[in-house]
Amino acid sequence: MRKEKTKETHGMKMRRRRTATKKWRMRRKERRRKKRVRKKVMNKMKERLKITKRRQQQQFSYSRSQQNHRFRMIPI
């Protein structure tokens, strides 16, 4: 458990209520978790994109000789 902090106001010691801080802490935790999840999702999407791009490149990849042949075949 956390030790309760005391706050001085006009020479009187006031105990700070813990509920509000706890709520804030929880909210911060939630935000952090959301951030983490968002990062994960983004990374997954990026990975998927990379994979699809790679697939497309493989479809259109030719060996060097074939490429040259293709370009030579174009009539000028």
PDB file of N, CA and C in Angstrom:
ATOM      1  N   MET A   1       0.833  -1.206   0.000  1.00  0.00           N
ATOM      2  CA  MET A   1       0.000   0.000   0.000  1.00  0.00           C
ATOM      3  C   MET A   1       0.864   1.250   0.000  1.00  0.00           C
ATOM      4  N   ARG A   2       0.351   2.273  -0.628  1.00  0.00           N
ATOM      5  CA  ARG A   2       1.073   3.536  -0.645  1.00  0.00           C
ATOM      6  C   ARG A   2       0.806   4.308   0.633  1.00  0.00           C
ATOM      7  N   LYS A   3       1.816   5.023   1.043  1.00  0.00           N
ATOM      8  CA  LYS A   3       1.650   5.846   2.233  1.00  0.00           C
ATOM      9  C   LYS A   3       0.898   7.107   1.829  1.00  0.00           C
ATOM     10  N   GLU A   4      -0.080   7.487   2.638  1.00  0.00           N
ATOM     11  CA  GLU A   4      -0.869   8.664   2.291  1.00  0.00           C
ATOM     12  C   GLU A   4      -0.046   9.921   2.470  1.00  0.00           C
ATOM     13  N   LYS A   5      -0.082  10.763   1.457  1.00  0.00           N
ATOM     14  CA  LYS A   5       0.655  12.016   1.549  1.00  0.00           C
ATOM     15  C   LYS A   5      -0.223  13.040   2.244  1.00  0.00           C
ATOM     16  N   THR A   6       0.413  13.901   3.029  1.00  0.00           N
ATOM     17  CA  THR A   6      -0.366  14.951   3.682  1.00  0.00           C
ATOM     18  C   THR A   6      -0.028  16.265   3.025  1.00  0.00           C
ATOM     19  N   LYS A   7      -1.003  17.120   2.921  1.00  0.00           N
ATOM     20  CA  LYS A   7      -0.833  18.388   2.235  1.00  0.00           C
ATOM     21  C   LYS A   7      -1.117  19.494   3.246  1.00  0.00           C
ATOM     22  N   GLU A   8      -0.210  20.446   3.344  1.00  0.00           N
ATOM     23  CA  GLU A   8      -0.396  21.533   4.313  1.00  0.00           C
ATOM     24  C   GLU A   8      -1.207  22.652   3.672  1.00  0.00           C
ATOM     25  N   THR A   9      -2.292  23.023   4.344  1.00  0.00           N
ATOM     26  CA  THR A   9      -3.062  24.170   3.862  1.00  0.00           C
ATOM     27  C   THR A   9      -3.396  25.032   5.063  1.00  0.00           C
ATOM     28  N   HIS A  10      -2.882  26.226   5.066  1.00  0.00           N
ATOM     29  CA  HIS A  10      -3.112  27.198   6.141  1.00  0.00           C
ATOM     30  C   HIS A  10      -2.805  26.613   7.513  1.00  0.00           C
ATOM     31  N   GLY A  11      -1.646  25.980   7.607  1.00  0.00           N
ATOM     32  CA  GLY A  11      -1.204  25.464   8.897  1.00  0.00           C
ATOM     33  C   GLY A  11      -1.999  24.282   9.403  1.00  0.00           C
ATOM     34  N   MET A  12      -2.848  23.741   8.569  1.00  0.00           N
ATOM     35  CA  MET A  12      -3.633  22.612   9.024  1.00  0.00           C
ATOM     36  C   MET A  12      -3.285  21.415   8.147  1.00  0.00           C
ATOM     37  N   LYS A  13      -3.004  20.301   8.782  1.00  0.00           N
ATOM     38  CA  LYS A  13      -2.654  19.131   7.987  1.00  0.00           C
ATOM     39  C   LYS A  13      -3.923  18.504   7.445  1.00  0.00           C
ATOM     40  N   MET A  14      -3.901  18.312   6.134  1.00  0.00           N
ATOM     41  CA  MET A  14      -5.094  17.765   5.510  1.00  0.00           C
ATOM     42  C   MET A  14      -4.728  16.439   4.866  1.00  0.00           C
ATOM     43  N   ARG A  15      -5.505  15.440   5.128  1.00  0.00           N
ATOM     44  CA  ARG A  15      -5.232  14.163   4.480  1.00  0.00           C
ATOM     45  C   ARG A  15      -5.847  14.202   3.097  1.00  0.00           C
ATOM     46  N   ARG A  16      -5.045  13.815   2.133  1.00  0.00           N
ATOM     47  CA  ARG A  16      -5.557  13.821   0.775  1.00  0.00           C
ATOM     48  C   ARG A  16      -6.373  12.560   0.537  1.00  0.00           C
ATOM     49  N   ARG A  17      -7.525  12.748  -0.066  1.00  0.00           N
ATOM     50  CA  ARG A  17      -8.347  11.582  -0.361  1.00  0.00           C
ATOM     51  C   ARG A  17      -7.690  10.766  -1.458  1.00  0.00           C
ATOM     52  N   ARG A  18      -7.779   9.478  -1.301  1.00  0.00           N
ATOM     53  CA  ARG A  18      -7.069   8.618  -2.227  1.00  0.00           C
ATOM     54  C   ARG A  18      -7.885   8.276  -3.471  1.00  0.00           C
ATOM     55  N   THR A  19      -9.191   8.404  -3.393  1.00  0.00           N
ATOM     56  CA  THR A  19     -10.028   7.907  -4.487  1.00  0.00           C
ATOM     57  C   THR A  19      -9.708   8.607  -5.802  1.00  0.00           C
ATOM     58  N   ALA A  20      -9.596   9.921  -5.763  1.00  0.00           N
ATOM     59  CA  ALA A  20      -9.368  10.668  -7.001  1.00  0.00           C
ATOM     60  C   ALA A  20      -8.047  10.249  -7.633  1.00  0.00           C
ATOM     61  N   THR A  21      -7.009  10.183  -6.788  1.00  0.00           N
ATOM     62  CA  THR A  21      -5.701   9.824  -7.341  1.00  0.00           C
ATOM     63  C   THR A  21      -5.750   8.422  -7.928  1.00  0.00           C
ATOM     64  N   LYS A  22      -6.457   7.544  -7.240  1.00  0.00           N
ATOM     65  CA  LYS A  22      -6.557   6.175  -7.727  1.00  0.00           C
ATOM     66  C   LYS A  22      -7.214   6.163  -9.104  1.00  0.00           C
ATOM     67  N   LYS A  23      -8.283   6.964  -9.218  1.00  0.00           N
ATOM     68  CA  LYS A  23      -8.982   7.023 -10.506  1.00  0.00           C
ATOM     69  C   LYS A  23      -8.050   7.530 -11.596  1.00  0.00           C
ATOM     70  N   TRP A  24      -7.294   8.583 -11.254  1.00  0.00           N
ATOM     71  CA  TRP A  24      -6.365   9.133 -12.243  1.00  0.00           C
ATOM     72  C   TRP A  24      -5.346   8.091 -12.648  1.00  0.00           C
ATOM     73  N   ARG A  25      -4.852   7.376 -11.612  1.00  0.00           N
ATOM     74  CA  ARG A  25      -3.854   6.346 -11.892  1.00  0.00           C
ATOM     75  C   ARG A  25      -4.419   5.296 -12.839  1.00  0.00           C
ATOM     76  N   MET A  26      -5.653   4.903 -12.551  1.00  0.00           N
ATOM     77  CA  MET A  26      -6.302   3.895 -13.382  1.00  0.00           C
ATOM     78  C   MET A  26      -6.438   4.399 -14.813  1.00  0.00           C
ATOM     79  N   ARG A  27      -6.845   5.667 -14.926  1.00  0.00           N
ATOM     80  CA  ARG A  27      -7.040   6.238 -16.247  1.00  0.00           C
ATOM     81  C   ARG A  27      -5.726   6.232 -17.032  1.00  0.00           C
ATOM     82  N   ARG A  28      -4.646   6.605 -16.300  1.00  0.00           N
ATOM     83  CA  ARG A  28      -3.334   6.640 -16.942  1.00  0.00           C
ATOM     84  C   ARG A  28      -2.933   5.239 -17.410  1.00  0.00           C
ATOM     85  N   LYS A  29      -3.214   4.269 -16.541  1.00  0.00           N
ATOM     86  CA  LYS A  29      -2.911   2.876 -16.861  1.00  0.00           C
ATOM     87  C   LYS A  29      -3.639   2.477 -18.138  1.00  0.00           C
ATOM     88  N   GLU A  30      -4.929   2.798 -18.173  1.00  0.00           N
ATOM     89  CA  GLU A  30      -5.752   2.457 -19.331  1.00  0.00           C
ATOM     90  C   GLU A  30      -5.153   3.051 -20.597  1.00  0.00           C
ATOM     91  N   ARG A  31      -4.795   4.346 -20.498  1.00  0.00           N
ATOM     92  CA  ARG A  31      -4.262   5.040 -21.657  1.00  0.00           C
ATOM     93  C   ARG A  31      -2.999   4.348 -22.156  1.00  0.00           C
ATOM     94  N   ARG A  32      -2.145   3.990 -21.172  1.00  0.00           N
ATOM     95  CA  ARG A  32      -0.896   3.316 -21.538  1.00  0.00           C
ATOM     96  C   ARG A  32      -1.183   2.012 -22.257  1.00  0.00           C
ATOM     97  N   ARG A  33      -2.169   1.265 -21.702  1.00  0.00           N
ATOM     98  CA  ARG A  33      -2.482  -0.025 -22.303  1.00  0.00           C
ATOM     99  C   ARG A  33      -2.996   0.164 -23.728  1.00  0.00           C
ATOM    100  N   LYS A  34      -3.866   1.166 -23.894  1.00  0.00           N
ATOM    101  CA  LYS A  34      -4.411   1.442 -25.223  1.00  0.00           C
ATOM    102  C   LYS A  34      -3.289   1.749 -26.200  1.00  0.00           C
ATOM    103  N   LYS A  35      -2.339   2.577 -25.723  1.00  0.00           N
ATOM    104  CA  LYS A  35      -1.202   2.959 -26.557  1.00  0.00           C
ATOM    105  C   LYS A  35      -0.445   1.720 -27.015  1.00  0.00           C
ATOM    106  N   ARG A  36      -0.184   0.826 -26.033  1.00  0.00           N
ATOM    107  CA  ARG A  36       0.548  -0.405 -26.341  1.00  0.00           C
ATOM    108  C   ARG A  36      -0.185  -1.227 -27.392  1.00  0.00           C
ATOM    109  N   VAL A  37      -1.495  -1.365 -27.177  1.00  0.00           N
ATOM    110  CA  VAL A  37      -2.309  -2.163 -28.090  1.00  0.00           C
ATOM    111  C   VAL A  37      -2.269  -1.551 -29.485  1.00  0.00           C
ATOM    112  N   ARG A  38      -2.407  -0.203 -29.537  1.00  0.00           N
ATOM    113  CA  ARG A  38      -2.397   0.480 -30.821  1.00  0.00           C
ATOM    114  C   ARG A  38      -1.080   0.216 -31.552  1.00  0.00           C
ATOM    115  N   LYS A  39       0.025   0.272 -30.787  1.00  0.00           N
ATOM    116  CA  LYS A  39       1.342   0.014 -31.375  1.00  0.00           C
ATOM    117  C   LYS A  39       1.381  -1.378 -31.979  1.00  0.00           C
ATOM    118  N   LYS A  40       0.893  -2.354 -31.196  1.00  0.00           N
ATOM    119  CA  LYS A  40       0.907  -3.739 -31.665  1.00  0.00           C
ATOM    120  C   LYS A  40       0.120  -3.860 -32.961  1.00  0.00           C
ATOM    121  N   VAL A  41      -1.064  -3.257 -32.970  1.00  0.00           N
ATOM    122  CA  VAL A  41      -1.934  -3.341 -34.142  1.00  0.00           C
ATOM    123  C   VAL A  41      -1.229  -2.740 -35.352  1.00  0.00           C
ATOM    124  N   MET A  42      -0.613  -1.559 -35.141  1.00  0.00           N
ATOM    125  CA  MET A  42       0.091  -0.899 -36.238  1.00  0.00           C
ATOM    126  C   MET A  42       1.199  -1.797 -36.779  1.00  0.00           C
ATOM    127  N   ASN A  43       1.969  -2.387 -35.867  1.00  0.00           N
ATOM    128  CA  ASN A  43       3.056  -3.266 -36.298  1.00  0.00           C
ATOM    129  C   ASN A  43       2.533  -4.436 -37.116  1.00  0.00           C
ATOM    130  N   LYS A  44       1.422  -5.011 -36.650  1.00  0.00           N
ATOM    131  CA  LYS A  44       0.845  -6.137 -37.378  1.00  0.00           C
ATOM    132  C   LYS A  44       0.446  -5.708 -38.781  1.00  0.00           C
ATOM    133  N   MET A  45      -0.202  -4.530 -38.861  1.00  0.00           N
ATOM    134  CA  MET A  45      -0.638  -4.040 -40.162  1.00  0.00           C
ATOM    135  C   MET A  45       0.549  -3.833 -41.091  1.00  0.00           C
ATOM    136  N   LYS A  46       1.616  -3.232 -40.532  1.00  0.00           N
ATOM    137  CA  LYS A  46       2.819  -2.991 -41.330  1.00  0.00           C
ATOM    138  C   LYS A  46       3.380  -4.303 -41.850  1.00  0.00           C
ATOM    139  N   GLU A  47       3.435  -5.300 -40.963  1.00  0.00           N
ATOM    140  CA  GLU A  47       3.961  -6.611 -41.352  1.00  0.00           C
ATOM    141  C   GLU A  47       3.144  -7.180 -42.514  1.00  0.00           C
ATOM    142  N   ARG A  48       1.816  -7.101 -42.365  1.00  0.00           N
ATOM    143  CA  ARG A  48       0.932  -7.639 -43.392  1.00  0.00           C
ATOM    144  C   ARG A  48       1.193  -6.943 -44.721  1.00  0.00           C
ATOM    145  N   LEU A  49       1.351  -5.612 -44.644  1.00  0.00           N
ATOM    146  CA  LEU A  49       1.593  -4.829 -45.849  1.00  0.00           C
ATOM    147  C   LEU A  49       2.883  -5.289 -46.519  1.00  0.00           C
ATOM    148  N   LYS A  50       3.926  -5.462 -45.689  1.00  0.00           N
ATOM    149  CA  LYS A  50       5.219  -5.916 -46.221  1.00  0.00           C
ATOM    150  C   LYS A  50       5.043  -7.230 -46.960  1.00  0.00           C
ATOM    151  N   ILE A  51       4.305  -8.151 -46.331  1.00  0.00           N
ATOM    152  CA  ILE A  51       4.125  -9.480 -46.922  1.00  0.00           C
ATOM    153  C   ILE A  51       3.423  -9.363 -48.267  1.00  0.00           C
ATOM    154  N   THR A  52       2.356  -8.567 -48.308  1.00  0.00           N
ATOM    155  CA  THR A  52       1.612  -8.437 -49.567  1.00  0.00           C
ATOM    156  C   THR A  52       2.493  -7.813 -50.643  1.00  0.00           C
ATOM    157  N   LYS A  53       3.275  -6.800 -50.260  1.00  0.00           N
ATOM    158  CA  LYS A  53       4.164  -6.161 -51.233  1.00  0.00           C
ATOM    159  C   LYS A  53       5.152  -7.173 -51.786  1.00  0.00           C
ATOM    160  N   ARG A  54       5.709  -7.988 -50.872  1.00  0.00           N
ATOM    161  CA  ARG A  54       6.679  -8.997 -51.284  1.00  0.00           C
ATOM    162  C   ARG A  54       6.043  -9.949 -52.292  1.00  0.00           C
ATOM    163  N   ARG A  55       4.801 -10.355 -52.012  1.00  0.00           N
ATOM    164  CA  ARG A  55       4.101 -11.275 -52.910  1.00  0.00           C
ATOM    165  C   ARG A  55       3.961 -10.657 -54.296  1.00  0.00           C
ATOM    166  N   GLN A  56       3.550  -9.375 -54.321  1.00  0.00           N
ATOM    167  CA  GLN A  56       3.371  -8.708 -55.610  1.00  0.00           C
ATOM    168  C   GLN A  56       4.681  -8.651 -56.377  1.00  0.00           C
ATOM    169  N   GLN A  57       5.762  -8.331 -55.659  1.00  0.00           N
ATOM    170  CA  GLN A  57       7.060  -8.253 -56.322  1.00  0.00           C
ATOM    171  C   GLN A  57       7.450  -9.604 -56.905  1.00  0.00           C
ATOM    172  N   GLN A  58       7.169 -10.670 -56.164  1.00  0.00           N
ATOM    173  CA  GLN A  58       7.513 -12.003 -56.656  1.00  0.00           C
ATOM    174  C   GLN A  58       6.762 -12.321 -57.944  1.00  0.00           C
ATOM    175  N   GLN A  59       5.519 -11.883 -58.022  1.00  0.00           N
ATOM    176  CA  GLN A  59       4.739 -12.147 -59.228  1.00  0.00           C
ATOM    177  C   GLN A  59       5.381 -11.490 -60.444  1.00  0.00           C
ATOM    178  N   PHE A  60       5.884 -10.264 -60.243  1.00  0.00           N
ATOM    179  CA  PHE A  60       6.390  -9.513 -61.380  1.00  0.00           C
ATOM    180  C   PHE A  60       7.897  -9.587 -61.534  1.00  0.00           C
ATOM    181  N   SER A  61       8.536 -10.411 -60.706  1.00  0.00           N
ATOM    182  CA  SER A  61       9.993 -10.447 -60.801  1.00  0.00           C
ATOM    183  C   SER A  61      10.402 -11.402 -61.918  1.00  0.00           C
ATOM    184  N   TYR A  62      11.323 -10.945 -62.734  1.00  0.00           N
ATOM    185  CA  TYR A  62      11.861 -11.770 -63.805  1.00  0.00           C
ATOM    186  C   TYR A  62      13.361 -11.848 -63.593  1.00  0.00           C
ATOM    187  N   SER A  63      13.959 -12.831 -64.175  1.00  0.00           N
ATOM    188  CA  SER A  63      15.417 -12.874 -64.119  1.00  0.00           C
ATOM    189  C   SER A  63      15.937 -11.800 -65.073  1.00  0.00           C
ATOM    190  N   ARG A  64      17.181 -11.422 -64.900  1.00  0.00           N
ATOM    191  CA  ARG A  64      17.753 -10.321 -65.682  1.00  0.00           C
ATOM    192  C   ARG A  64      17.655 -10.588 -67.186  1.00  0.00           C
ATOM    193  N   SER A  65      17.974 -11.794 -67.595  1.00  0.00           N
ATOM    194  CA  SER A  65      17.970 -12.110 -69.032  1.00  0.00           C
ATOM    195  C   SER A  65      16.557 -11.974 -69.601  1.00  0.00           C
ATOM    196  N   GLN A  66      15.579 -12.476 -68.855  1.00  0.00           N
ATOM    197  CA  GLN A  66      14.197 -12.381 -69.328  1.00  0.00           C
ATOM    198  C   GLN A  66      13.789 -10.929 -69.482  1.00  0.00           C
ATOM    199  N   GLN A  67      14.189 -10.108 -68.509  1.00  0.00           N
ATOM    200  CA  GLN A  67      13.826  -8.697 -68.556  1.00  0.00           C
ATOM    201  C   GLN A  67      14.393  -8.049 -69.812  1.00  0.00           C
ATOM    202  N   ASN A  68      15.667  -8.310 -70.050  1.00  0.00           N
ATOM    203  CA  ASN A  68      16.316  -7.731 -71.222  1.00  0.00           C
ATOM    204  C   ASN A  68      15.604  -8.171 -72.488  1.00  0.00           C
ATOM    205  N   HIS A  69      15.274  -9.453 -72.505  1.00  0.00           N
ATOM    206  CA  HIS A  69      14.586 -10.005 -73.662  1.00  0.00           C
ATOM    207  C   HIS A  69      13.278  -9.251 -73.883  1.00  0.00           C
ATOM    208  N   ARG A  70      12.541  -9.049 -72.801  1.00  0.00           N
ATOM    209  CA  ARG A  70      11.254  -8.387 -72.895  1.00  0.00           C
ATOM    210  C   ARG A  70      11.413  -6.982 -73.456  1.00  0.00           C
ATOM    211  N   PHE A  71      12.446  -6.290 -72.988  1.00  0.00           N
ATOM    212  CA  PHE A  71      12.608  -4.909 -73.445  1.00  0.00           C
ATOM    213  C   PHE A  71      13.093  -4.871 -74.897  1.00  0.00           C
ATOM    214  N   ARG A  72      13.851  -5.891 -75.302  1.00  0.00           N
ATOM    215  CA  ARG A  72      14.344  -5.915 -76.672  1.00  0.00           C
ATOM    216  C   ARG A  72      13.212  -6.205 -77.649  1.00  0.00           C
ATOM    217  N   MET A  73      12.236  -6.944 -77.168  1.00  0.00           N
ATOM    218  CA  MET A  73      11.158  -7.361 -78.058  1.00  0.00           C
ATOM    219  C   MET A  73      10.259  -6.199 -78.467  1.00  0.00           C
ATOM    220  N   ILE A  74      10.295  -5.110 -77.700  1.00  0.00           N
ATOM    221  CA  ILE A  74       9.433  -3.979 -78.029  1.00  0.00           C
ATOM    222  C   ILE A  74       9.910  -3.354 -79.339  1.00  0.00           C
ATOM    223  N   PRO A  75       9.062  -3.320 -80.351  1.00  0.00           N
ATOM    224  CA  PRO A  75       9.500  -2.766 -81.640  1.00  0.00           C
ATOM    225  C   PRO A  75       9.637  -1.254 -81.577  1.00  0.00           C
ATOM    226  N   ILE A  76      10.695  -0.774 -82.218  1.00  0.00           N
ATOM    227  CA  ILE A  76      10.927   0.674 -82.216  1.00  0.00           C
ATOM    228  C   ILE A  76      10.562   1.214 -83.595  1.00  0.00           C
TER     229      ILE A  76
END
